[in-house]
Amino acid sequence: MLDFRVQTFLTVCETLNYTKAAAVLGLTQPAVSQHIHFLEDHYGVKLFHYEKKTLTLTPQGKILRARLLVQKNDDARIHKEMQAVRSGKWSIAIGVTMTVGEYAIAGPLTALLKNHPDWSIHVVFGNTQKLLGLLQSGTIDFALVEGYYPKDDFAHLTFSHQPFVAVCAAGHRFAVGQVKALGDLPAERIILREPGSGTRDILARSLSAKGIRLSDFKASVEVGNMHTIIALLKNDCGISFLYRIAVAPELACGTLREIPLNDFHMTHPFDFIWEKGSVYSGQIEAICRELTAAR
């Protein structure tokens, strides 16, 4: 069980306001200040900086917040583990991004369940940004993502590398005639995932490296569901950039086709990620390796 002053510190980190933190915790503002001063004296550093009525974490405060969040989540996992020993039921929570969850994880997850018939597994879908938040809050034990994430903040293991391609309906007619390069595509309507999606972030960064912004396209459609994006593509409502694994059946049967581009050839990793420094890191990595071996 963590020291009560740790909870005060983490609450101040969330609110960045002593008065608001006191209200959340049911304490007085002087009590909150006393808890923070105790931690600052204990570690011999300043944890917060106050200037122009704005409270911010110092570099040392950011380090302490990261380490204590891991400890807090591990404390909850220890409690869950002890309850599992008593009940004989063990459970894990896995986060997956939309593309991964719909097209890449079912086979490995099936193998994991067959190898561990007594396990209970909760699978949570969300875009990359949502899953990062769920990891930091301890809601999930690990995640499998296709988007960018701060690698210095998370332990990680690559699950697979997937080609990322431009696609359109088989009969799509391009506005500029023959298409050979990325620069030929902004005259089209582009179908995108929602902001926060790893797929969208990868696309935006890849296009930016070529001097193209998403806003440069003639029109756009934002959709948070991969099946709807594929349906819109098949009905010739625009073009998109997706992982080939997501449209493999449509490419195989000819309802969609890959747009051949001479300046766009990329693959991107699907990575397992979990909290760096967790006492459960070895256990989580072993599960991730088992899933990777079964892909």
C-alpha atoms as a PDB file:
ATOM      1  CA  MET A   1       0.000   0.000   0.000  1.00  0.00           C
ATOM      2  CA  LEU A   2       1.419   3.365  -1.038  1.00  0.00           C
ATOM      3  CA  ASP A   3       2.016   6.212   1.397  1.00  0.00           C
ATOM      4  CA  PHE A   4      -0.952   8.616   1.551  1.00  0.00           C
ATOM      5  CA  ARG A   5       1.339  11.498   0.587  1.00  0.00           C
ATOM      6  CA  VAL A   6       2.012   9.753  -2.713  1.00  0.00           C
ATOM      7  CA  GLN A   7      -1.692   9.945  -3.568  1.00  0.00           C
ATOM      8  CA  THR A   8      -1.638  13.645  -2.693  1.00  0.00           C
ATOM      9  CA  PHE A   9       1.328  14.215  -4.999  1.00  0.00           C
ATOM     10  CA  LEU A  10      -0.276  12.321  -7.890  1.00  0.00           C
ATOM     11  CA  THR A  11      -3.530  14.236  -7.443  1.00  0.00           C
ATOM     12  CA  VAL A  12      -1.681  17.560  -7.558  1.00  0.00           C
ATOM     13  CA  CYS A  13       0.029  16.298 -10.738  1.00  0.00           C
ATOM     14  CA  GLU A  14      -3.407  15.744 -12.276  1.00  0.00           C
ATOM     15  CA  THR A  15      -4.985  19.025 -11.175  1.00  0.00           C
ATOM     16  CA  LEU A  16      -1.886  21.257 -11.103  1.00  0.00           C
ATOM     17  CA  ASN A  17      -3.733  23.162  -8.399  1.00  0.00           C
ATOM     18  CA  TYR A  18      -3.391  22.680  -4.647  1.00  0.00           C
ATOM     19  CA  THR A  19      -6.915  23.883  -3.908  1.00  0.00           C
ATOM     20  CA  LYS A  20      -8.502  21.557  -6.484  1.00  0.00           C
ATOM     21  CA  ALA A  21      -6.378  18.651  -5.255  1.00  0.00           C
ATOM     22  CA  ALA A  22      -7.527  19.325  -1.696  1.00  0.00           C
ATOM     23  CA  ALA A  23     -11.165  19.219  -2.827  1.00  0.00           C
ATOM     24  CA  VAL A  24     -10.638  15.919  -4.661  1.00  0.00           C
ATOM     25  CA  LEU A  25      -8.910  14.350  -1.661  1.00  0.00           C
ATOM     26  CA  GLY A  26     -11.172  15.826   1.015  1.00  0.00           C
ATOM     27  CA  LEU A  27      -8.233  17.596   2.657  1.00  0.00           C
ATOM     28  CA  THR A  28      -7.423  21.191   3.484  1.00  0.00           C
ATOM     29  CA  GLN A  29      -5.118  23.119   1.199  1.00  0.00           C
ATOM     30  CA  PRO A  30      -2.475  23.459   3.971  1.00  0.00           C
ATOM     31  CA  ALA A  31      -2.526  19.670   4.411  1.00  0.00           C
ATOM     32  CA  VAL A  32      -1.844  19.205   0.698  1.00  0.00           C
ATOM     33  CA  SER A  33       1.032  21.688   0.896  1.00  0.00           C
ATOM     34  CA  GLN A  34       2.421  19.845   3.927  1.00  0.00           C
ATOM     35  CA  HIS A  35       2.377  16.501   2.057  1.00  0.00           C
ATOM     36  CA  ILE A  36       4.223  17.990  -0.919  1.00  0.00           C
ATOM     37  CA  HIS A  37       6.797  19.665   1.320  1.00  0.00           C
ATOM     38  CA  PHE A  38       7.377  16.316   3.075  1.00  0.00           C
ATOM     39  CA  LEU A  39       8.163  14.633  -0.261  1.00  0.00           C
ATOM     40  CA  GLU A  40      10.384  17.512  -1.361  1.00  0.00           C
ATOM     41  CA  ASP A  41      12.329  17.291   1.901  1.00  0.00           C
ATOM     42  CA  HIS A  42      12.560  13.509   1.608  1.00  0.00           C
ATOM     43  CA  TYR A  43      14.001  13.600  -1.924  1.00  0.00           C
ATOM     44  CA  GLY A  44      15.875  16.896  -1.497  1.00  0.00           C
ATOM     45  CA  VAL A  45      14.406  18.465  -4.649  1.00  0.00           C
ATOM     46  CA  LYS A  46      11.637  20.813  -5.721  1.00  0.00           C
ATOM     47  CA  LEU A  47       8.746  18.936  -7.309  1.00  0.00           C
ATOM     48  CA  PHE A  48       6.672  21.852  -8.568  1.00  0.00           C
ATOM     49  CA  HIS A  49       7.393  25.276  -9.976  1.00  0.00           C
ATOM     50  CA  TYR A  50       4.921  28.129  -9.485  1.00  0.00           C
ATOM     51  CA  GLU A  51       5.100  31.171 -11.757  1.00  0.00           C
ATOM     52  CA  LYS A  52       2.458  33.633 -12.995  1.00  0.00           C
ATOM     53  CA  LYS A  53      -0.264  31.726 -11.146  1.00  0.00           C
ATOM     54  CA  THR A  54       0.622  28.521 -13.034  1.00  0.00           C
ATOM     55  CA  LEU A  55       1.837  25.326 -11.352  1.00  0.00           C
ATOM     56  CA  THR A  56       4.104  23.021 -13.353  1.00  0.00           C
ATOM     57  CA  LEU A  57       6.145  19.928 -12.586  1.00  0.00           C
ATOM     58  CA  THR A  58       9.904  20.315 -12.346  1.00  0.00           C
ATOM     59  CA  PRO A  59      12.073  17.771 -14.214  1.00  0.00           C
ATOM     60  CA  GLN A  60      12.512  15.927 -10.908  1.00  0.00           C
ATOM     61  CA  GLY A  61       8.756  16.065 -10.327  1.00  0.00           C
ATOM     62  CA  LYS A  62       8.146  14.482 -13.737  1.00  0.00           C
ATOM     63  CA  ILE A  63      10.516  11.641 -12.867  1.00  0.00           C
ATOM     64  CA  LEU A  64       8.826  11.049  -9.525  1.00  0.00           C
ATOM     65  CA  ARG A  65       5.362  11.119 -11.105  1.00  0.00           C
ATOM     66  CA  ALA A  66       6.350   8.500 -13.701  1.00  0.00           C
ATOM     67  CA  ARG A  67       7.901   6.178 -11.113  1.00  0.00           C
ATOM     68  CA  LEU A  68       5.037   6.531  -8.622  1.00  0.00           C
ATOM     69  CA  LEU A  69       2.399   5.882 -11.274  1.00  0.00           C
ATOM     70  CA  VAL A  70       4.101   2.558 -12.026  1.00  0.00           C
ATOM     71  CA  GLN A  71       4.242   1.762  -8.303  1.00  0.00           C
ATOM     72  CA  LYS A  72       0.570   2.665  -7.906  1.00  0.00           C
ATOM     73  CA  ASN A  73      -0.444   0.399 -10.772  1.00  0.00           C
ATOM     74  CA  ASP A  74       1.772  -2.408  -9.489  1.00  0.00           C
ATOM     75  CA  ASP A  75       0.154  -2.058  -6.071  1.00  0.00           C
ATOM     76  CA  ALA A  76      -3.216  -2.672  -7.713  1.00  0.00           C
ATOM     77  CA  ARG A  77      -1.801  -5.660  -9.612  1.00  0.00           C
ATOM     78  CA  ILE A  78      -0.409  -7.132  -6.390  1.00  0.00           C
ATOM     79  CA  HIS A  79      -3.866  -6.873  -4.863  1.00  0.00           C
ATOM     80  CA  LYS A  80      -5.365  -8.544  -7.937  1.00  0.00           C
ATOM     81  CA  GLU A  81      -2.743 -11.295  -7.843  1.00  0.00           C
ATOM     82  CA  MET A  82      -3.443 -12.085  -4.201  1.00  0.00           C
ATOM     83  CA  GLN A  83      -7.171 -12.211  -4.886  1.00  0.00           C
ATOM     84  CA  ALA A  84      -6.468 -14.553  -7.800  1.00  0.00           C
ATOM     85  CA  VAL A  85      -4.571 -16.932  -5.533  1.00  0.00           C
ATOM     86  CA  ARG A  86      -7.541 -17.036  -3.192  1.00  0.00           C
ATOM     87  CA  SER A  87     -10.165 -17.495  -5.925  1.00  0.00           C
ATOM     88  CA  GLY A  88      -8.106 -19.589  -8.338  1.00  0.00           C
ATOM     89  CA  LYS A  89      -9.031 -17.184 -11.162  1.00  0.00           C
ATOM     90  CA  TRP A  90      -6.361 -15.159 -12.950  1.00  0.00           C
ATOM     91  CA  SER A  91      -7.154 -12.368 -15.402  1.00  0.00           C
ATOM     92  CA  ILE A  92      -5.335  -9.938 -17.669  1.00  0.00           C
ATOM     93  CA  ALA A  93      -6.496  -6.888 -19.599  1.00  0.00           C
ATOM     94  CA  ILE A  94      -5.087  -6.318 -23.087  1.00  0.00           C
ATOM     95  CA  GLY A  95      -5.516  -3.151 -25.132  1.00  0.00           C
ATOM     96  CA  VAL A  96      -5.545  -3.327 -28.927  1.00  0.00           C
ATOM     97  CA  THR A  97      -5.852  -0.670 -31.588  1.00  0.00           C
ATOM     98  CA  MET A  98      -8.621  -1.067 -34.148  1.00  0.00           C
ATOM     99  CA  THR A  99      -6.548  -2.514 -36.997  1.00  0.00           C
ATOM    100  CA  VAL A 100      -4.724  -4.897 -34.686  1.00  0.00           C
ATOM    101  CA  GLY A 101      -7.906  -6.014 -32.951  1.00  0.00           C
ATOM    102  CA  GLU A 102      -9.843  -6.639 -36.119  1.00  0.00           C
ATOM    103  CA  TYR A 103      -7.177  -8.180 -38.337  1.00  0.00           C
ATOM    104  CA  ALA A 104      -4.072  -9.348 -36.437  1.00  0.00           C
ATOM    105  CA  ILE A 105      -4.739 -10.594 -32.910  1.00  0.00           C
ATOM    106  CA  ALA A 106      -7.522 -13.183 -33.189  1.00  0.00           C
ATOM    107  CA  GLY A 107      -5.243 -16.101 -34.142  1.00  0.00           C
ATOM    108  CA  PRO A 108      -2.578 -15.506 -31.471  1.00  0.00           C
ATOM    109  CA  LEU A 109      -5.267 -14.801 -28.867  1.00  0.00           C
ATOM    110  CA  THR A 110      -6.969 -18.086 -29.720  1.00  0.00           C
ATOM    111  CA  ALA A 111      -3.696 -19.941 -29.132  1.00  0.00           C
ATOM    112  CA  LEU A 112      -3.151 -18.150 -25.820  1.00  0.00           C
ATOM    113  CA  LEU A 113      -6.624 -19.069 -24.581  1.00  0.00           C
ATOM    114  CA  LYS A 114      -6.149 -22.715 -25.542  1.00  0.00           C
ATOM    115  CA  ASN A 115      -2.776 -22.836 -23.792  1.00  0.00           C
ATOM    116  CA  HIS A 116      -4.238 -21.279 -20.638  1.00  0.00           C
ATOM    117  CA  PRO A 117      -7.822 -22.522 -20.244  1.00  0.00           C
ATOM    118  CA  ASP A 118      -8.142 -21.057 -16.725  1.00  0.00           C
ATOM    119  CA  TRP A 119      -7.263 -17.492 -17.719  1.00  0.00           C
ATOM    120  CA  SER A 120      -9.830 -14.729 -18.070  1.00  0.00           C
ATOM    121  CA  ILE A 121      -8.857 -12.137 -20.674  1.00  0.00           C
ATOM    122  CA  HIS A 122     -10.424  -8.722 -21.177  1.00  0.00           C
ATOM    123  CA  VAL A 123      -9.691  -7.118 -24.560  1.00  0.00           C
ATOM    124  CA  VAL A 124     -10.123  -3.342 -24.803  1.00  0.00           C
ATOM    125  CA  PHE A 125     -10.333  -1.583 -28.175  1.00  0.00           C
ATOM    126  CA  GLY A 126      -9.181   2.012 -28.634  1.00  0.00           C
ATOM    127  CA  ASN A 127      -6.935   4.232 -30.690  1.00  0.00           C
ATOM    128  CA  THR A 128      -3.280   4.578 -29.732  1.00  0.00           C
ATOM    129  CA  GLN A 129      -3.732   7.704 -27.597  1.00  0.00           C
ATOM    130  CA  LYS A 130      -6.584   6.164 -25.627  1.00  0.00           C
ATOM    131  CA  LEU A 131      -4.577   3.000 -24.936  1.00  0.00           C
ATOM    132  CA  LEU A 132      -1.560   4.987 -23.722  1.00  0.00           C
ATOM    133  CA  GLY A 133      -3.836   6.636 -21.192  1.00  0.00           C
ATOM    134  CA  LEU A 134      -5.285   3.290 -20.095  1.00  0.00           C
ATOM    135  CA  LEU A 135      -1.767   1.906 -19.599  1.00  0.00           C
ATOM    136  CA  GLN A 136      -0.729   4.860 -17.455  1.00  0.00           C
ATOM    137  CA  SER A 137      -3.889   4.586 -15.356  1.00  0.00           C
ATOM    138  CA  GLY A 138      -3.371   0.845 -14.825  1.00  0.00           C
ATOM    139  CA  THR A 139      -6.679  -0.041 -16.503  1.00  0.00           C
ATOM    140  CA  ILE A 140      -4.923  -2.455 -18.885  1.00  0.00           C
ATOM    141  CA  ASP A 141      -1.799  -4.564 -18.339  1.00  0.00           C
ATOM    142  CA  PHE A 142      -0.307  -4.123 -21.813  1.00  0.00           C
ATOM    143  CA  ALA A 143      -1.314  -3.030 -25.300  1.00  0.00           C
ATOM    144  CA  LEU A 144      -0.652  -3.939 -28.912  1.00  0.00           C
ATOM    145  CA  VAL A 145      -0.512  -0.757 -30.989  1.00  0.00           C
ATOM    146  CA  GLU A 146       0.361   0.285 -34.517  1.00  0.00           C
ATOM    147  CA  GLY A 147       0.823   3.980 -33.775  1.00  0.00           C
ATOM    148  CA  TYR A 148       3.686   6.071 -32.507  1.00  0.00           C
ATOM    149  CA  TYR A 149       4.318   6.187 -28.757  1.00  0.00           C
ATOM    150  CA  PRO A 150       7.088   7.578 -26.509  1.00  0.00           C
ATOM    151  CA  LYS A 151       9.534   4.667 -26.493  1.00  0.00           C
ATOM    152  CA  ASP A 152      11.489   6.067 -23.572  1.00  0.00           C
ATOM    153  CA  ASP A 153       8.360   5.773 -21.408  1.00  0.00           C
ATOM    154  CA  PHE A 154       7.319   2.200 -22.207  1.00  0.00           C
ATOM    155  CA  ALA A 155       8.891  -1.230 -22.445  1.00  0.00           C
ATOM    156  CA  HIS A 156       8.130  -2.735 -25.837  1.00  0.00           C
ATOM    157  CA  LEU A 157       8.365  -5.850 -27.999  1.00  0.00           C
ATOM    158  CA  THR A 158       7.693  -5.941 -31.747  1.00  0.00           C
ATOM    159  CA  PHE A 159       4.855  -8.257 -32.726  1.00  0.00           C
ATOM    160  CA  SER A 160       5.148  -7.889 -36.524  1.00  0.00           C
ATOM    161  CA  HIS A 161       5.984  -5.484 -39.352  1.00  0.00           C
ATOM    162  CA  GLN A 162       3.104  -4.613 -41.666  1.00  0.00           C
ATOM    163  CA  PRO A 163       3.110  -2.927 -45.109  1.00  0.00           C
ATOM    164  CA  PHE A 164       1.228   0.380 -45.249  1.00  0.00           C
ATOM    165  CA  VAL A 165      -0.298   1.039 -48.682  1.00  0.00           C
ATOM    166  CA  ALA A 166      -2.481   3.434 -50.678  1.00  0.00           C
ATOM    167  CA  VAL A 167      -5.752   1.859 -51.854  1.00  0.00           C
ATOM    168  CA  CYS A 168      -8.849   2.705 -53.876  1.00  0.00           C
ATOM    169  CA  ALA A 169     -11.799   1.013 -55.570  1.00  0.00           C
ATOM    170  CA  ALA A 170     -10.889  -1.271 -58.450  1.00  0.00           C
ATOM    171  CA  GLY A 171     -12.617   1.039 -60.934  1.00  0.00           C
ATOM    172  CA  HIS A 172     -11.547   4.372 -59.424  1.00  0.00           C
ATOM    173  CA  ARG A 173     -10.696   7.111 -61.935  1.00  0.00           C
ATOM    174  CA  PHE A 174      -8.096   9.595 -60.767  1.00  0.00           C
ATOM    175  CA  ALA A 175      -8.555  13.323 -61.224  1.00  0.00           C
ATOM    176  CA  VAL A 176      -5.057  13.828 -62.662  1.00  0.00           C
ATOM    177  CA  GLY A 177      -5.066  10.817 -64.958  1.00  0.00           C
ATOM    178  CA  GLN A 178      -2.149   8.445 -64.455  1.00  0.00           C
ATOM    179  CA  VAL A 179      -0.972   8.392 -60.852  1.00  0.00           C
ATOM    180  CA  LYS A 180       2.674   7.673 -60.146  1.00  0.00           C
ATOM    181  CA  ALA A 181       3.609   9.594 -57.003  1.00  0.00           C
ATOM    182  CA  LEU A 182       2.195  10.944 -53.751  1.00  0.00           C
ATOM    183  CA  GLY A 183       2.052  14.421 -55.268  1.00  0.00           C
ATOM    184  CA  ASP A 184      -0.596  13.170 -57.723  1.00  0.00           C
ATOM    185  CA  LEU A 185      -3.085  12.320 -54.956  1.00  0.00           C
ATOM    186  CA  PRO A 186      -4.171  15.595 -53.256  1.00  0.00           C
ATOM    187  CA  ALA A 187      -6.740  16.140 -56.023  1.00  0.00           C
ATOM    188  CA  GLU A 188      -8.657  13.180 -54.530  1.00  0.00           C
ATOM    189  CA  ARG A 189     -10.971  12.853 -51.545  1.00  0.00           C
ATOM    190  CA  ILE A 190      -9.127  11.047 -48.750  1.00  0.00           C
ATOM    191  CA  ILE A 191     -10.814   8.754 -46.214  1.00  0.00           C
ATOM    192  CA  LEU A 192      -9.141   8.993 -42.798  1.00  0.00           C
ATOM    193  CA  ARG A 193      -9.275   7.488 -39.346  1.00  0.00           C
ATOM    194  CA  GLU A 194     -10.157   9.793 -36.454  1.00  0.00           C
ATOM    195  CA  PRO A 195      -7.586  12.047 -34.695  1.00  0.00           C
ATOM    196  CA  GLY A 196      -5.645  10.018 -32.132  1.00  0.00           C
ATOM    197  CA  SER A 197      -5.578   6.952 -34.378  1.00  0.00           C
ATOM    198  CA  GLY A 198      -2.176   5.394 -34.952  1.00  0.00           C
ATOM    199  CA  THR A 199      -3.024   4.771 -38.605  1.00  0.00           C
ATOM    200  CA  ARG A 200      -3.802   8.450 -39.124  1.00  0.00           C
ATOM    201  CA  ASP A 201      -0.697   9.601 -37.252  1.00  0.00           C
ATOM    202  CA  ILE A 202       1.531   7.356 -39.355  1.00  0.00           C
ATOM    203  CA  LEU A 203      -0.056   8.685 -42.538  1.00  0.00           C
ATOM    204  CA  ALA A 204       0.248  12.325 -41.476  1.00  0.00           C
ATOM    205  CA  ARG A 205       3.938  11.924 -40.626  1.00  0.00           C
ATOM    206  CA  SER A 206       4.686  10.016 -43.833  1.00  0.00           C
ATOM    207  CA  LEU A 207       2.974  12.619 -46.013  1.00  0.00           C
ATOM    208  CA  SER A 208       4.611  15.478 -44.113  1.00  0.00           C
ATOM    209  CA  ALA A 209       8.029  14.015 -44.926  1.00  0.00           C
ATOM    210  CA  LYS A 210       7.053  14.472 -48.595  1.00  0.00           C
ATOM    211  CA  GLY A 211       5.765  18.005 -48.081  1.00  0.00           C
ATOM    212  CA  ILE A 212       2.066  17.055 -48.149  1.00  0.00           C
ATOM    213  CA  ARG A 213      -0.494  17.823 -45.436  1.00  0.00           C
ATOM    214  CA  LEU A 214      -3.813  16.071 -44.906  1.00  0.00           C
ATOM    215  CA  SER A 215      -5.486  19.447 -45.443  1.00  0.00           C
ATOM    216  CA  ASP A 216      -3.983  19.583 -48.951  1.00  0.00           C
ATOM    217  CA  PHE A 217      -6.447  16.959 -50.209  1.00  0.00           C
ATOM    218  CA  LYS A 218      -9.516  18.162 -52.102  1.00  0.00           C
ATOM    219  CA  ALA A 219     -11.875  16.788 -49.442  1.00  0.00           C
ATOM    220  CA  SER A 220     -11.781  14.333 -46.561  1.00  0.00           C
ATOM    221  CA  VAL A 221     -13.959  11.915 -44.632  1.00  0.00           C
ATOM    222  CA  GLU A 222     -13.136  10.948 -41.020  1.00  0.00           C
ATOM    223  CA  VAL A 223     -14.341   7.524 -39.862  1.00  0.00           C
ATOM    224  CA  GLY A 224     -13.580   5.724 -36.597  1.00  0.00           C
ATOM    225  CA  ASN A 225     -14.447   2.265 -37.905  1.00  0.00           C
ATOM    226  CA  MET A 226     -12.268   0.273 -40.291  1.00  0.00           C
ATOM    227  CA  HIS A 227     -15.150  -1.710 -41.820  1.00  0.00           C
ATOM    228  CA  THR A 228     -16.921   1.521 -42.749  1.00  0.00           C
ATOM    229  CA  ILE A 229     -13.746   2.879 -44.352  1.00  0.00           C
ATOM    230  CA  ILE A 230     -13.417  -0.263 -46.442  1.00  0.00           C
ATOM    231  CA  ALA A 231     -17.089  -0.076 -47.452  1.00  0.00           C
ATOM    232  CA  LEU A 232     -16.650   3.547 -48.552  1.00  0.00           C
ATOM    233  CA  LEU A 233     -13.568   2.588 -50.547  1.00  0.00           C
ATOM    234  CA  LYS A 234     -15.403  -0.271 -52.273  1.00  0.00           C
ATOM    235  CA  ASN A 235     -18.186   2.178 -53.186  1.00  0.00           C
ATOM    236  CA  ASP A 236     -15.583   4.492 -54.726  1.00  0.00           C
ATOM    237  CA  CYS A 237     -16.039   7.369 -52.256  1.00  0.00           C
ATOM    238  CA  GLY A 238     -12.355   8.244 -52.142  1.00  0.00           C
ATOM    239  CA  ILE A 239      -8.865   6.856 -51.563  1.00  0.00           C
ATOM    240  CA  SER A 240      -7.142   5.860 -48.339  1.00  0.00           C
ATOM    241  CA  PHE A 241      -3.909   4.620 -46.813  1.00  0.00           C
ATOM    242  CA  LEU A 242      -4.242   1.458 -44.729  1.00  0.00           C
ATOM    243  CA  TYR A 243      -2.307  -1.543 -43.574  1.00  0.00           C
ATOM    244  CA  ARG A 244      -2.392  -4.185 -46.291  1.00  0.00           C
ATOM    245  CA  ILE A 245      -3.500  -6.752 -43.709  1.00  0.00           C
ATOM    246  CA  ALA A 246      -6.752  -4.779 -43.265  1.00  0.00           C
ATOM    247  CA  VAL A 247      -7.688  -4.941 -46.953  1.00  0.00           C
ATOM    248  CA  ALA A 248      -6.052  -8.237 -47.965  1.00  0.00           C
ATOM    249  CA  PRO A 249      -9.390  -9.992 -48.795  1.00  0.00           C
ATOM    250  CA  GLU A 250     -10.600  -7.054 -50.917  1.00  0.00           C
ATOM    251  CA  LEU A 251      -7.279  -6.843 -52.765  1.00  0.00           C
ATOM    252  CA  ALA A 252      -7.343 -10.594 -53.365  1.00  0.00           C
ATOM    253  CA  CYS A 253     -10.876 -10.625 -54.798  1.00  0.00           C
ATOM    254  CA  GLY A 254     -10.386  -7.444 -56.803  1.00  0.00           C
ATOM    255  CA  THR A 255     -12.917  -5.085 -55.213  1.00  0.00           C
ATOM    256  CA  LEU A 256     -10.039  -2.831 -54.125  1.00  0.00           C
ATOM    257  CA  ARG A 257      -6.649  -2.226 -55.684  1.00  0.00           C
ATOM    258  CA  GLU A 258      -3.368  -0.908 -54.429  1.00  0.00           C
ATOM    259  CA  ILE A 259      -2.319   2.446 -55.869  1.00  0.00           C
ATOM    260  CA  PRO A 260       1.207   2.021 -57.275  1.00  0.00           C
ATOM    261  CA  LEU A 261       3.382   4.887 -56.062  1.00  0.00           C
ATOM    262  CA  ASN A 262       7.055   5.168 -56.910  1.00  0.00           C
ATOM    263  CA  ASP A 263       7.842   7.297 -53.842  1.00  0.00           C
ATOM    264  CA  PHE A 264       5.858   5.553 -51.115  1.00  0.00           C
ATOM    265  CA  HIS A 265       7.073   2.192 -49.823  1.00  0.00           C
ATOM    266  CA  MET A 266       6.804   1.683 -46.091  1.00  0.00           C
ATOM    267  CA  THR A 267       6.213  -0.860 -43.375  1.00  0.00           C
ATOM    268  CA  HIS A 268       5.442  -0.094 -39.753  1.00  0.00           C
ATOM    269  CA  PRO A 269       5.742  -2.229 -36.620  1.00  0.00           C
ATOM    270  CA  PHE A 270       2.893  -3.481 -34.476  1.00  0.00           C
ATOM    271  CA  ASP A 271       4.369  -3.284 -30.964  1.00  0.00           C
ATOM    272  CA  PHE A 272       3.420  -4.662 -27.575  1.00  0.00           C
ATOM    273  CA  ILE A 273       3.959  -1.959 -24.964  1.00  0.00           C
ATOM    274  CA  TRP A 274       3.712  -1.919 -21.164  1.00  0.00           C
ATOM    275  CA  GLU A 275       4.871   0.187 -18.240  1.00  0.00           C
ATOM    276  CA  LYS A 276       8.638   0.408 -17.964  1.00  0.00           C
ATOM    277  CA  GLY A 277       9.913  -0.514 -14.514  1.00  0.00           C
ATOM    278  CA  SER A 278       6.917  -2.575 -13.449  1.00  0.00           C
ATOM    279  CA  VAL A 279       7.663  -5.512 -11.158  1.00  0.00           C
ATOM    280  CA  TYR A 280       5.395  -7.479 -13.501  1.00  0.00           C
ATOM    281  CA  SER A 281       7.443  -6.565 -16.579  1.00  0.00           C
ATOM    282  CA  GLY A 282       8.949 -10.051 -16.972  1.00  0.00           C
ATOM    283  CA  GLN A 283       5.564 -11.721 -16.661  1.00  0.00           C
ATOM    284  CA  ILE A 284       4.003  -9.373 -19.214  1.00  0.00           C
ATOM    285  CA  GLU A 285       6.892  -9.823 -21.649  1.00  0.00           C
ATOM    286  CA  ALA A 286       6.507 -13.614 -21.452  1.00  0.00           C
ATOM    287  CA  ILE A 287       2.826 -13.331 -22.442  1.00  0.00           C
ATOM    288  CA  CYS A 288       3.709 -10.972 -25.306  1.00  0.00           C
ATOM    289  CA  ARG A 289       6.351 -13.391 -26.571  1.00  0.00           C
ATOM    290  CA  GLU A 290       3.844 -16.235 -26.440  1.00  0.00           C
ATOM    291  CA  LEU A 291       1.392 -14.201 -28.515  1.00  0.00           C
ATOM    292  CA  THR A 292       4.144 -13.256 -30.976  1.00  0.00           C
ATOM    293  CA  ALA A 293       5.177 -16.892 -31.439  1.00  0.00           C
ATOM    294  CA  ALA A 294       1.569 -17.806 -32.268  1.00  0.00           C
ATOM    295  CA  ARG A 295       1.033 -15.179 -34.988  1.00  0.00           C
END
